[in-house]
Amino acid sequence: VMKPLIPRNTSVPVRKSDIFSTGENNQTLVEIHVLQGERKMAAGNKSLGRFKLMGIPPAPRGVPQVQVSFDIDSNGILQVSALDRTTGREQTVTIQGASTLSDTEVDRMIQEAEDYAQEDSQKKAKIDRRNQVESLASRAERKLREVAIDFGMYFADRERRQVESYIRELKQALEEQDERAIDLIQADLQDALKILEQEIKLRLREEEGDDLFKSVKDTFADIKDSIIGEDSYRPPRDDYYERPGDRYGSGGYGSGGYGSGGYGQGSYRDARSSGNRPNDGLRPSPQDRTLPTRNPYPREDFGDDDDW
């Protein structure tokens, strides 16, 4: 099949380009066939030259991208280049006399294109359909490899086996050129791929749910750790028991409780201490040594009368 890049009667200079790819898996080179004419099939046009672009990295069919550019200058010299967009490799060929066709040759080409238009259209449709089916089988094989890598060999085993079976049947139908079988198996393969995609989406939703639950759990755990850390929580302090001294000492009801601001310098402990016992009247307390001693039984002078 010919892919037109520069239509007839295009003004020069002109430059046109398009992206092409490989037709086989692990294909490392492509051949560019430069044609001139109006027919849809390559065989019905005039060949101007061929060249190859090598060094393409092995990849599945349809993955590499090769940019083909046609450049015609004002002198009618055609320069064709092919660029591998992955590696940057480029191959160029220059074709002179590409626009030197006589009017008679041009008219003949146009007339042939009209005469064989229907036949060429049928051939092109058949080739395009075959390419489409082969591309579907290639994508299905690539999908199976990706699923095995991402989810393991035992994931969706039944669905994967069904896809593999349809791929084998489709390739066999292509070899036998059984158009009816190709149509039926192609539809079955597309349905099987949809079912496999549903299994993949279900697994991804389950994994997202697990990740979300774990994320929420970790978030709450971090919040808990930040609020109630190892040293951030202490039980309420019991000042009653944690003050220095015993319950009834100066630390219990002393100056902070019932001390100097309440009922005196000391408390129960001080009241029972020898230094603060009440004066028994026989001797002065240490605090009162400078005061006169008071006799609890004072002598009263009732005169000299002893008969009272």
C-alpha atoms as a PDB file:
ATOM      1  CA  VAL A   1       0.000   0.000   0.000  1.00  0.00           C
ATOM      2  CA  MET A   2       1.264   3.451  -0.901  1.00  0.00           C
ATOM      3  CA  LYS A   3       0.940   6.331   1.569  1.00  0.00           C
ATOM      4  CA  PRO A   4       0.900   9.664  -0.353  1.00  0.00           C
ATOM      5  CA  LEU A   5       2.894  12.463   1.275  1.00  0.00           C
ATOM      6  CA  ILE A   6       3.033  15.138  -1.427  1.00  0.00           C
ATOM      7  CA  PRO A   7      -0.146  15.364  -3.549  1.00  0.00           C
ATOM      8  CA  ARG A   8      -0.119  16.072  -7.262  1.00  0.00           C
ATOM      9  CA  ASN A   9       0.229  19.721  -8.389  1.00  0.00           C
ATOM     10  CA  THR A  10       1.765  20.825  -5.061  1.00  0.00           C
ATOM     11  CA  SER A  11       3.831  23.992  -5.383  1.00  0.00           C
ATOM     12  CA  VAL A  12       7.560  23.709  -4.750  1.00  0.00           C
ATOM     13  CA  PRO A  13       9.608  24.060  -2.637  1.00  0.00           C
ATOM     14  CA  VAL A  14       7.699  21.889  -0.218  1.00  0.00           C
ATOM     15  CA  ARG A  15       8.374  19.633   2.743  1.00  0.00           C
ATOM     16  CA  LYS A  16       6.044  16.940   4.123  1.00  0.00           C
ATOM     17  CA  SER A  17       6.554  14.267   6.769  1.00  0.00           C
ATOM     18  CA  ASP A  18       4.694  11.450   8.488  1.00  0.00           C
ATOM     19  CA  ILE A  19       5.286   8.806  11.181  1.00  0.00           C
ATOM     20  CA  PHE A  20       5.627   5.116  10.294  1.00  0.00           C
ATOM     21  CA  SER A  21       6.397   2.035  12.372  1.00  0.00           C
ATOM     22  CA  THR A  22       7.521  -1.568  12.117  1.00  0.00           C
ATOM     23  CA  GLY A  23       5.339  -4.411  10.865  1.00  0.00           C
ATOM     24  CA  GLU A  24       7.006  -7.244  12.807  1.00  0.00           C
ATOM     25  CA  ASN A  25       8.072  -7.816  16.391  1.00  0.00           C
ATOM     26  CA  ASN A  26      11.747  -7.029  17.149  1.00  0.00           C
ATOM     27  CA  GLN A  27      12.283  -5.531  13.715  1.00  0.00           C
ATOM     28  CA  THR A  28      15.636  -3.700  13.623  1.00  0.00           C
ATOM     29  CA  LEU A  29      15.461  -2.077  10.171  1.00  0.00           C
ATOM     30  CA  VAL A  30      12.893  -0.547   7.849  1.00  0.00           C
ATOM     31  CA  GLU A  31      12.995  -0.102   4.093  1.00  0.00           C
ATOM     32  CA  ILE A  32      11.737   3.141   2.620  1.00  0.00           C
ATOM     33  CA  HIS A  33      10.353   2.761  -0.910  1.00  0.00           C
ATOM     34  CA  VAL A  34       9.976   6.089  -2.700  1.00  0.00           C
ATOM     35  CA  LEU A  35       7.192   6.047  -5.329  1.00  0.00           C
ATOM     36  CA  GLN A  36       5.581   8.412  -7.772  1.00  0.00           C
ATOM     37  CA  GLY A  37       2.069   8.011  -9.096  1.00  0.00           C
ATOM     38  CA  GLU A  38      -1.662   8.053  -8.364  1.00  0.00           C
ATOM     39  CA  ARG A  39      -2.413   4.394  -7.641  1.00  0.00           C
ATOM     40  CA  LYS A  40      -3.277   3.222  -4.101  1.00  0.00           C
ATOM     41  CA  MET A  41      -1.176   0.081  -4.469  1.00  0.00           C
ATOM     42  CA  ALA A  42       2.598   0.451  -4.574  1.00  0.00           C
ATOM     43  CA  ALA A  43       2.957  -1.968  -7.472  1.00  0.00           C
ATOM     44  CA  GLY A  44       0.973   0.323  -9.789  1.00  0.00           C
ATOM     45  CA  ASN A  45       3.276   3.342  -9.330  1.00  0.00           C
ATOM     46  CA  LYS A  46       6.720   4.382 -10.577  1.00  0.00           C
ATOM     47  CA  SER A  47       9.602   3.487  -8.253  1.00  0.00           C
ATOM     48  CA  LEU A  48      12.099   6.291  -7.637  1.00  0.00           C
ATOM     49  CA  GLY A  49      14.389   4.534  -5.193  1.00  0.00           C
ATOM     50  CA  ARG A  50      14.785   2.522  -2.006  1.00  0.00           C
ATOM     51  CA  PHE A  51      16.906   2.881   1.094  1.00  0.00           C
ATOM     52  CA  LYS A  52      17.083   1.290   4.539  1.00  0.00           C
ATOM     53  CA  LEU A  53      17.228   2.679   8.058  1.00  0.00           C
ATOM     54  CA  MET A  54      19.048   0.256  10.361  1.00  0.00           C
ATOM     55  CA  GLY A  55      19.837   0.161  14.075  1.00  0.00           C
ATOM     56  CA  ILE A  56      16.263   0.331  15.341  1.00  0.00           C
ATOM     57  CA  PRO A  57      16.087  -1.105  18.902  1.00  0.00           C
ATOM     58  CA  PRO A  58      14.108  -4.381  19.054  1.00  0.00           C
ATOM     59  CA  ALA A  59      10.564  -3.704  20.189  1.00  0.00           C
ATOM     60  CA  PRO A  60       7.041  -5.044  19.711  1.00  0.00           C
ATOM     61  CA  ARG A  61       5.378  -4.365  16.417  1.00  0.00           C
ATOM     62  CA  GLY A  62       4.059  -0.825  16.061  1.00  0.00           C
ATOM     63  CA  VAL A  63       6.111   0.611  18.945  1.00  0.00           C
ATOM     64  CA  PRO A  64       9.106   2.196  17.119  1.00  0.00           C
ATOM     65  CA  GLN A  65       8.482   5.569  15.515  1.00  0.00           C
ATOM     66  CA  VAL A  66      10.193   6.381  12.232  1.00  0.00           C
ATOM     67  CA  GLN A  67       9.662   9.864  10.837  1.00  0.00           C
ATOM     68  CA  VAL A  68       9.865   9.952   7.033  1.00  0.00           C
ATOM     69  CA  SER A  69      10.250  13.371   5.405  1.00  0.00           C
ATOM     70  CA  PHE A  70       9.989  14.354   1.733  1.00  0.00           C
ATOM     71  CA  ASP A  71      11.670  17.620   0.767  1.00  0.00           C
ATOM     72  CA  ILE A  72      11.484  18.953  -2.811  1.00  0.00           C
ATOM     73  CA  ASP A  73      13.458  22.093  -3.591  1.00  0.00           C
ATOM     74  CA  SER A  74      12.770  24.636  -6.318  1.00  0.00           C
ATOM     75  CA  ASN A  75      14.890  22.639  -8.786  1.00  0.00           C
ATOM     76  CA  GLY A  76      12.739  19.549  -8.364  1.00  0.00           C
ATOM     77  CA  ILE A  77      15.378  17.620  -6.402  1.00  0.00           C
ATOM     78  CA  LEU A  78      13.782  15.284  -3.882  1.00  0.00           C
ATOM     79  CA  GLN A  79      15.500  14.543  -0.607  1.00  0.00           C
ATOM     80  CA  VAL A  80      13.999  11.762   1.503  1.00  0.00           C
ATOM     81  CA  SER A  81      15.068  11.188   5.111  1.00  0.00           C
ATOM     82  CA  ALA A  82      14.102   8.578   7.697  1.00  0.00           C
ATOM     83  CA  LEU A  83      14.663   9.342  11.393  1.00  0.00           C
ATOM     84  CA  ASP A  84      14.347   6.888  14.256  1.00  0.00           C
ATOM     85  CA  ARG A  85      12.855   9.067  16.993  1.00  0.00           C
ATOM     86  CA  THR A  86      14.096   6.735  19.731  1.00  0.00           C
ATOM     87  CA  THR A  87      17.796   6.560  18.887  1.00  0.00           C
ATOM     88  CA  GLY A  88      18.143   9.639  16.696  1.00  0.00           C
ATOM     89  CA  ARG A  89      19.568   7.574  13.843  1.00  0.00           C
ATOM     90  CA  GLU A  90      18.875   9.088  10.431  1.00  0.00           C
ATOM     91  CA  GLN A  91      19.305   7.968   6.850  1.00  0.00           C
ATOM     92  CA  THR A  92      18.913  10.254   3.843  1.00  0.00           C
ATOM     93  CA  VAL A  93      18.719   9.709   0.098  1.00  0.00           C
ATOM     94  CA  THR A  94      18.652  12.305  -2.680  1.00  0.00           C
ATOM     95  CA  ILE A  95      16.674  11.647  -5.863  1.00  0.00           C
ATOM     96  CA  GLN A  96      17.120  13.838  -8.918  1.00  0.00           C
ATOM     97  CA  GLY A  97      14.662  14.091 -11.754  1.00  0.00           C
ATOM     98  CA  ALA A  98      11.669  13.221  -9.598  1.00  0.00           C
ATOM     99  CA  SER A  99       9.544  15.842 -11.331  1.00  0.00           C
ATOM    100  CA  THR A 100      10.721  15.338 -14.899  1.00  0.00           C
ATOM    101  CA  LEU A 101       7.673  13.378 -16.060  1.00  0.00           C
ATOM    102  CA  SER A 102       6.245  14.441 -19.383  1.00  0.00           C
ATOM    103  CA  ASP A 103       2.650  15.508 -19.703  1.00  0.00           C
ATOM    104  CA  THR A 104       1.891  12.249 -21.509  1.00  0.00           C
ATOM    105  CA  GLU A 105       3.235  10.176 -18.623  1.00  0.00           C
ATOM    106  CA  VAL A 106       1.296  12.215 -16.105  1.00  0.00           C
ATOM    107  CA  ASP A 107      -1.947  11.792 -18.057  1.00  0.00           C
ATOM    108  CA  ARG A 108      -1.365   8.060 -18.341  1.00  0.00           C
ATOM    109  CA  MET A 109      -0.839   7.698 -14.590  1.00  0.00           C
ATOM    110  CA  ILE A 110      -3.997   9.629 -13.855  1.00  0.00           C
ATOM    111  CA  GLN A 111      -6.032   7.514 -16.267  1.00  0.00           C
ATOM    112  CA  GLU A 112      -4.714   4.261 -14.798  1.00  0.00           C
ATOM    113  CA  ALA A 113      -5.573   5.421 -11.294  1.00  0.00           C
ATOM    114  CA  GLU A 114      -9.147   6.020 -12.409  1.00  0.00           C
ATOM    115  CA  ASP A 115      -9.451   2.710 -14.228  1.00  0.00           C
ATOM    116  CA  TYR A 116      -8.164   0.642 -11.333  1.00  0.00           C
ATOM    117  CA  ALA A 117      -9.674   2.694  -8.539  1.00  0.00           C
ATOM    118  CA  GLN A 118     -12.239   0.087  -7.473  1.00  0.00           C
ATOM    119  CA  GLU A 119      -9.812  -2.814  -7.717  1.00  0.00           C
ATOM    120  CA  ASP A 120      -7.143  -0.921  -5.804  1.00  0.00           C
ATOM    121  CA  SER A 121      -9.663   0.074  -3.128  1.00  0.00           C
ATOM    122  CA  GLN A 122     -10.651  -3.553  -2.569  1.00  0.00           C
ATOM    123  CA  LYS A 123      -7.032  -4.666  -2.314  1.00  0.00           C
ATOM    124  CA  LYS A 124      -6.196  -1.817   0.045  1.00  0.00           C
ATOM    125  CA  ALA A 125      -9.185  -2.594   2.283  1.00  0.00           C
ATOM    126  CA  LYS A 126      -8.150  -6.240   2.474  1.00  0.00           C
ATOM    127  CA  ILE A 127      -4.560  -5.362   3.380  1.00  0.00           C
ATOM    128  CA  ASP A 128      -5.649  -2.735   5.900  1.00  0.00           C
ATOM    129  CA  ARG A 129      -7.961  -5.232   7.541  1.00  0.00           C
ATOM    130  CA  ARG A 130      -5.222  -7.835   7.762  1.00  0.00           C
ATOM    131  CA  ASN A 131      -2.878  -5.282   9.284  1.00  0.00           C
ATOM    132  CA  GLN A 132      -5.584  -4.331  11.767  1.00  0.00           C
ATOM    133  CA  VAL A 133      -6.143  -7.943  12.833  1.00  0.00           C
ATOM    134  CA  GLU A 134      -2.415  -8.629  13.128  1.00  0.00           C
ATOM    135  CA  SER A 135      -2.057  -5.483  15.200  1.00  0.00           C
ATOM    136  CA  LEU A 136      -4.867  -6.668  17.499  1.00  0.00           C
ATOM    137  CA  ALA A 137      -3.123 -10.006  18.046  1.00  0.00           C
ATOM    138  CA  SER A 138       0.155  -8.218  18.742  1.00  0.00           C
ATOM    139  CA  ARG A 139      -1.472  -5.888  21.277  1.00  0.00           C
ATOM    140  CA  ALA A 140      -3.142  -8.850  22.984  1.00  0.00           C
ATOM    141  CA  GLU A 141       0.196 -10.654  23.335  1.00  0.00           C
ATOM    142  CA  ARG A 142       1.800  -7.519  24.739  1.00  0.00           C
ATOM    143  CA  LYS A 143      -1.080  -7.133  27.188  1.00  0.00           C
ATOM    144  CA  LEU A 144      -0.607 -10.680  28.475  1.00  0.00           C
ATOM    145  CA  ARG A 145       3.081 -10.016  29.099  1.00  0.00           C
ATOM    146  CA  GLU A 146       2.333  -6.795  30.953  1.00  0.00           C
ATOM    147  CA  VAL A 147      -0.296  -8.478  33.142  1.00  0.00           C
ATOM    148  CA  ALA A 148       2.103 -11.292  34.032  1.00  0.00           C
ATOM    149  CA  ILE A 149       4.782  -8.774  35.008  1.00  0.00           C
ATOM    150  CA  ASP A 150       2.480  -6.473  36.984  1.00  0.00           C
ATOM    151  CA  PHE A 151       0.237  -8.997  38.755  1.00  0.00           C
ATOM    152  CA  GLY A 152       2.006 -12.359  38.586  1.00  0.00           C
ATOM    153  CA  MET A 153       1.562 -15.537  36.588  1.00  0.00           C
ATOM    154  CA  TYR A 154      -1.502 -16.701  38.524  1.00  0.00           C
ATOM    155  CA  PHE A 155      -3.579 -13.542  38.220  1.00  0.00           C
ATOM    156  CA  ALA A 156      -6.818 -13.981  36.181  1.00  0.00           C
ATOM    157  CA  ASP A 157      -5.554 -17.345  34.980  1.00  0.00           C
ATOM    158  CA  ARG A 158      -8.801 -18.347  33.264  1.00  0.00           C
ATOM    159  CA  GLU A 159      -9.213 -15.025  31.445  1.00  0.00           C
ATOM    160  CA  ARG A 160      -5.603 -15.019  30.282  1.00  0.00           C
ATOM    161  CA  ARG A 161      -5.843 -18.565  28.954  1.00  0.00           C
ATOM    162  CA  GLN A 162      -8.930 -17.585  26.976  1.00  0.00           C
ATOM    163  CA  VAL A 163      -7.089 -14.658  25.394  1.00  0.00           C
ATOM    164  CA  GLU A 164      -4.150 -16.905  24.497  1.00  0.00           C
ATOM    165  CA  SER A 165      -6.502 -19.391  22.844  1.00  0.00           C
ATOM    166  CA  TYR A 166      -8.137 -16.722  20.677  1.00  0.00           C
ATOM    167  CA  ILE A 167      -4.731 -15.372  19.635  1.00  0.00           C
ATOM    168  CA  ARG A 168      -3.684 -18.803  18.348  1.00  0.00           C
ATOM    169  CA  GLU A 169      -6.967 -19.266  16.499  1.00  0.00           C
ATOM    170  CA  LEU A 170      -6.721 -15.813  14.950  1.00  0.00           C
ATOM    171  CA  LYS A 171      -3.199 -16.395  13.649  1.00  0.00           C
ATOM    172  CA  GLN A 172      -4.287 -19.688  12.135  1.00  0.00           C
ATOM    173  CA  ALA A 173      -7.244 -18.019  10.414  1.00  0.00           C
ATOM    174  CA  LEU A 174      -4.900 -15.375   8.989  1.00  0.00           C
ATOM    175  CA  GLU A 175      -2.616 -18.038   7.559  1.00  0.00           C
ATOM    176  CA  GLU A 176      -5.580 -19.817   5.992  1.00  0.00           C
ATOM    177  CA  GLN A 177      -7.048 -16.476   4.807  1.00  0.00           C
ATOM    178  CA  ASP A 178     -10.413 -17.499   6.204  1.00  0.00           C
ATOM    179  CA  GLU A 179     -12.198 -14.160   6.245  1.00  0.00           C
ATOM    180  CA  ARG A 180     -15.297 -15.420   8.062  1.00  0.00           C
ATOM    181  CA  ALA A 181     -13.247 -17.084  10.794  1.00  0.00           C
ATOM    182  CA  ILE A 182     -11.142 -13.937  11.113  1.00  0.00           C
ATOM    183  CA  ASP A 183     -14.263 -11.839  11.723  1.00  0.00           C
ATOM    184  CA  LEU A 184     -15.641 -14.194  14.388  1.00  0.00           C
ATOM    185  CA  ILE A 185     -12.376 -14.755  16.237  1.00  0.00           C
ATOM    186  CA  GLN A 186     -11.517 -11.061  16.159  1.00  0.00           C
ATOM    187  CA  ALA A 187     -14.799 -10.253  17.928  1.00  0.00           C
ATOM    188  CA  ASP A 188     -14.223 -13.029  20.484  1.00  0.00           C
ATOM    189  CA  LEU A 189     -10.701 -11.800  21.194  1.00  0.00           C
ATOM    190  CA  GLN A 190     -11.896  -8.235  21.718  1.00  0.00           C
ATOM    191  CA  ASP A 191     -14.539  -9.445  24.193  1.00  0.00           C
ATOM    192  CA  ALA A 192     -11.963 -11.557  26.052  1.00  0.00           C
ATOM    193  CA  LEU A 193      -9.652  -8.555  26.331  1.00  0.00           C
ATOM    194  CA  LYS A 194     -12.487  -6.475  27.791  1.00  0.00           C
ATOM    195  CA  ILE A 195     -13.129  -9.128  30.453  1.00  0.00           C
ATOM    196  CA  LEU A 196      -9.423  -9.200  31.289  1.00  0.00           C
ATOM    197  CA  GLU A 197      -9.422  -5.411  31.574  1.00  0.00           C
ATOM    198  CA  GLN A 198     -12.315  -5.622  34.042  1.00  0.00           C
ATOM    199  CA  GLU A 199     -10.309  -8.034  36.202  1.00  0.00           C
ATOM    200  CA  ILE A 200      -7.364  -5.657  36.111  1.00  0.00           C
ATOM    201  CA  LYS A 201      -9.520  -2.677  37.135  1.00  0.00           C
ATOM    202  CA  LEU A 202     -11.029  -4.694  39.989  1.00  0.00           C
ATOM    203  CA  ARG A 203      -7.586  -5.617  41.276  1.00  0.00           C
ATOM    204  CA  LEU A 204      -6.410  -2.018  41.038  1.00  0.00           C
ATOM    205  CA  ARG A 205      -9.455  -0.802  42.991  1.00  0.00           C
ATOM    206  CA  GLU A 206      -8.757  -3.376  45.691  1.00  0.00           C
ATOM    207  CA  GLU A 207      -5.136  -2.282  45.903  1.00  0.00           C
ATOM    208  CA  GLU A 208      -6.171   1.370  46.044  1.00  0.00           C
ATOM    209  CA  GLY A 209      -8.606   0.541  48.861  1.00  0.00           C
ATOM    210  CA  ASP A 210      -5.881  -1.266  50.797  1.00  0.00           C
ATOM    211  CA  ASP A 211      -3.487   1.613  50.252  1.00  0.00           C
ATOM    212  CA  LEU A 212      -6.136   4.120  51.357  1.00  0.00           C
ATOM    213  CA  PHE A 213      -6.922   2.147  54.523  1.00  0.00           C
ATOM    214  CA  LYS A 214      -3.234   1.867  55.334  1.00  0.00           C
ATOM    215  CA  SER A 215      -2.733   5.569  54.666  1.00  0.00           C
ATOM    216  CA  VAL A 216      -5.622   6.530  56.966  1.00  0.00           C
ATOM    217  CA  LYS A 217      -4.370   4.139  59.635  1.00  0.00           C
ATOM    218  CA  ASP A 218      -0.858   5.551  59.437  1.00  0.00           C
ATOM    219  CA  THR A 219      -2.215   9.098  59.551  1.00  0.00           C
ATOM    220  CA  PHE A 220      -4.173   8.462  62.736  1.00  0.00           C
ATOM    221  CA  ALA A 221      -1.177   6.688  64.233  1.00  0.00           C
ATOM    222  CA  ASP A 222       0.994   9.723  63.510  1.00  0.00           C
ATOM    223  CA  ILE A 223      -1.610  12.034  65.046  1.00  0.00           C
ATOM    224  CA  LYS A 224      -1.809   9.848  68.144  1.00  0.00           C
ATOM    225  CA  ASP A 225       1.958   9.810  68.488  1.00  0.00           C
ATOM    226  CA  SER A 226       2.135  13.574  68.142  1.00  0.00           C
ATOM    227  CA  ILE A 227      -0.591  14.186  70.760  1.00  0.00           C
ATOM    228  CA  ILE A 228       0.143  11.378  73.226  1.00  0.00           C
ATOM    229  CA  GLY A 229       3.842  10.755  72.907  1.00  0.00           C
ATOM    230  CA  GLU A 230       5.968   8.712  75.197  1.00  0.00           C
ATOM    231  CA  ASP A 231       6.786  11.686  77.460  1.00  0.00           C
ATOM    232  CA  SER A 232       3.854  13.936  76.688  1.00  0.00           C
ATOM    233  CA  TYR A 233       1.357  12.352  79.105  1.00  0.00           C
ATOM    234  CA  ARG A 234       1.799  12.324  82.865  1.00  0.00           C
ATOM    235  CA  PRO A 235      -0.816  11.513  85.520  1.00  0.00           C
ATOM    236  CA  PRO A 236      -2.131  14.458  87.537  1.00  0.00           C
ATOM    237  CA  ARG A 237       0.328  15.494  90.216  1.00  0.00           C
ATOM    238  CA  ASP A 238      -0.771  14.823  93.771  1.00  0.00           C
ATOM    239  CA  ASP A 239       0.744  17.720  95.688  1.00  0.00           C
ATOM    240  CA  TYR A 240      -0.590  16.289  98.875  1.00  0.00           C
ATOM    241  CA  TYR A 241       1.674  13.271  98.725  1.00  0.00           C
ATOM    242  CA  GLU A 242       4.572  14.636  96.711  1.00  0.00           C
ATOM    243  CA  ARG A 243       5.528  17.574  98.943  1.00  0.00           C
ATOM    244  CA  PRO A 244       8.670  17.168 101.044  1.00  0.00           C
ATOM    245  CA  GLY A 245       8.006  15.958 104.554  1.00  0.00           C
ATOM    246  CA  ASP A 246       5.196  13.877 105.926  1.00  0.00           C
ATOM    247  CA  ARG A 247       1.509  14.673 105.893  1.00  0.00           C
ATOM    248  CA  TYR A 248       1.562  16.546 109.124  1.00  0.00           C
ATOM    249  CA  GLY A 249       5.010  18.099 108.917  1.00  0.00           C
ATOM    250  CA  SER A 250       5.919  21.546 107.899  1.00  0.00           C
ATOM    251  CA  GLY A 251       5.584  20.444 104.261  1.00  0.00           C
ATOM    252  CA  GLY A 252       1.980  19.328 104.815  1.00  0.00           C
ATOM    253  CA  TYR A 253       0.191  22.132 106.493  1.00  0.00           C
ATOM    254  CA  GLY A 254       3.149  24.455 106.694  1.00  0.00           C
ATOM    255  CA  SER A 255       3.591  27.865 105.289  1.00  0.00           C
ATOM    256  CA  GLY A 256       1.960  26.922 101.970  1.00  0.00           C
ATOM    257  CA  GLY A 257      -1.241  25.551 103.515  1.00  0.00           C
ATOM    258  CA  TYR A 258      -2.013  26.397 107.053  1.00  0.00           C
ATOM    259  CA  GLY A 259       1.325  28.003 107.848  1.00  0.00           C
ATOM    260  CA  SER A 260       2.226  31.572 108.361  1.00  0.00           C
ATOM    261  CA  GLY A 261      -0.635  32.718 106.251  1.00  0.00           C
ATOM    262  CA  GLY A 262      -3.105  30.638 108.274  1.00  0.00           C
ATOM    263  CA  TYR A 263      -2.804  29.649 111.873  1.00  0.00           C
ATOM    264  CA  GLY A 264       0.741  30.211 112.943  1.00  0.00           C
ATOM    265  CA  GLN A 265       4.271  29.375 112.182  1.00  0.00           C
ATOM    266  CA  GLY A 266       4.119  25.651 112.693  1.00  0.00           C
ATOM    267  CA  SER A 267       1.426  23.046 112.669  1.00  0.00           C
ATOM    268  CA  TYR A 268       0.687  19.751 114.318  1.00  0.00           C
ATOM    269  CA  ARG A 269       4.274  18.669 114.231  1.00  0.00           C
ATOM    270  CA  ASP A 270       5.483  21.968 115.707  1.00  0.00           C
ATOM    271  CA  ALA A 271       2.742  21.887 118.283  1.00  0.00           C
ATOM    272  CA  ARG A 272       3.950  18.541 119.556  1.00  0.00           C
ATOM    273  CA  SER A 273       7.630  19.381 119.483  1.00  0.00           C
ATOM    274  CA  SER A 274       9.461  20.090 122.693  1.00  0.00           C
ATOM    275  CA  GLY A 275      10.223  23.582 121.608  1.00  0.00           C
ATOM    276  CA  ASN A 276       6.544  24.514 121.388  1.00  0.00           C
ATOM    277  CA  ARG A 277       4.990  22.640 124.292  1.00  0.00           C
ATOM    278  CA  PRO A 278       2.875  24.901 126.511  1.00  0.00           C
ATOM    279  CA  ASN A 279       4.697  26.429 129.434  1.00  0.00           C
ATOM    280  CA  ASP A 280       4.024  24.384 132.560  1.00  0.00           C
ATOM    281  CA  GLY A 281       4.735  27.340 134.792  1.00  0.00           C
ATOM    282  CA  LEU A 282       7.741  25.707 136.471  1.00  0.00           C
ATOM    283  CA  ARG A 283      10.269  27.086 134.094  1.00  0.00           C
ATOM    284  CA  PRO A 284      10.229  29.504 131.276  1.00  0.00           C
ATOM    285  CA  SER A 285      10.267  28.357 127.787  1.00  0.00           C
ATOM    286  CA  PRO A 286      13.307  29.187 125.735  1.00  0.00           C
ATOM    287  CA  GLN A 287      11.417  31.904 123.996  1.00  0.00           C
ATOM    288  CA  ASP A 288      10.398  33.507 127.306  1.00  0.00           C
ATOM    289  CA  ARG A 289      13.700  33.387 129.214  1.00  0.00           C
ATOM    290  CA  THR A 290      13.886  37.144 129.282  1.00  0.00           C
ATOM    291  CA  LEU A 291      10.454  37.446 130.853  1.00  0.00           C
ATOM    292  CA  PRO A 292       9.810  37.174 134.590  1.00  0.00           C
ATOM    293  CA  THR A 293       8.850  33.775 135.886  1.00  0.00           C
ATOM    294  CA  ARG A 294       5.250  33.404 136.782  1.00  0.00           C
ATOM    295  CA  ASN A 295       4.342  31.140 139.723  1.00  0.00           C
ATOM    296  CA  PRO A 296       1.180  29.222 139.049  1.00  0.00           C
ATOM    297  CA  TYR A 297       0.477  29.316 142.781  1.00  0.00           C
ATOM    298  CA  PRO A 298       1.102  32.855 143.775  1.00  0.00           C
ATOM    299  CA  ARG A 299       1.375  33.726 147.449  1.00  0.00           C
ATOM    300  CA  GLU A 300      -1.251  36.126 148.623  1.00  0.00           C
ATOM    301  CA  ASP A 301      -0.475  38.404 151.493  1.00  0.00           C
ATOM    302  CA  PHE A 302      -3.430  38.249 153.852  1.00  0.00           C
ATOM    303  CA  GLY A 303      -1.651  40.122 156.539  1.00  0.00           C
ATOM    304  CA  ASP A 304      -0.096  38.803 159.636  1.00  0.00           C
ATOM    305  CA  ASP A 305      -3.133  37.081 160.821  1.00  0.00           C
ATOM    306  CA  ASP A 306      -2.279  33.432 160.841  1.00  0.00           C
ATOM    307  CA  ASP A 307      -5.679  32.319 161.996  1.00  0.00           C
ATOM    308  CA  TRP A 308      -7.595  32.518 158.795  1.00  0.00           C
END
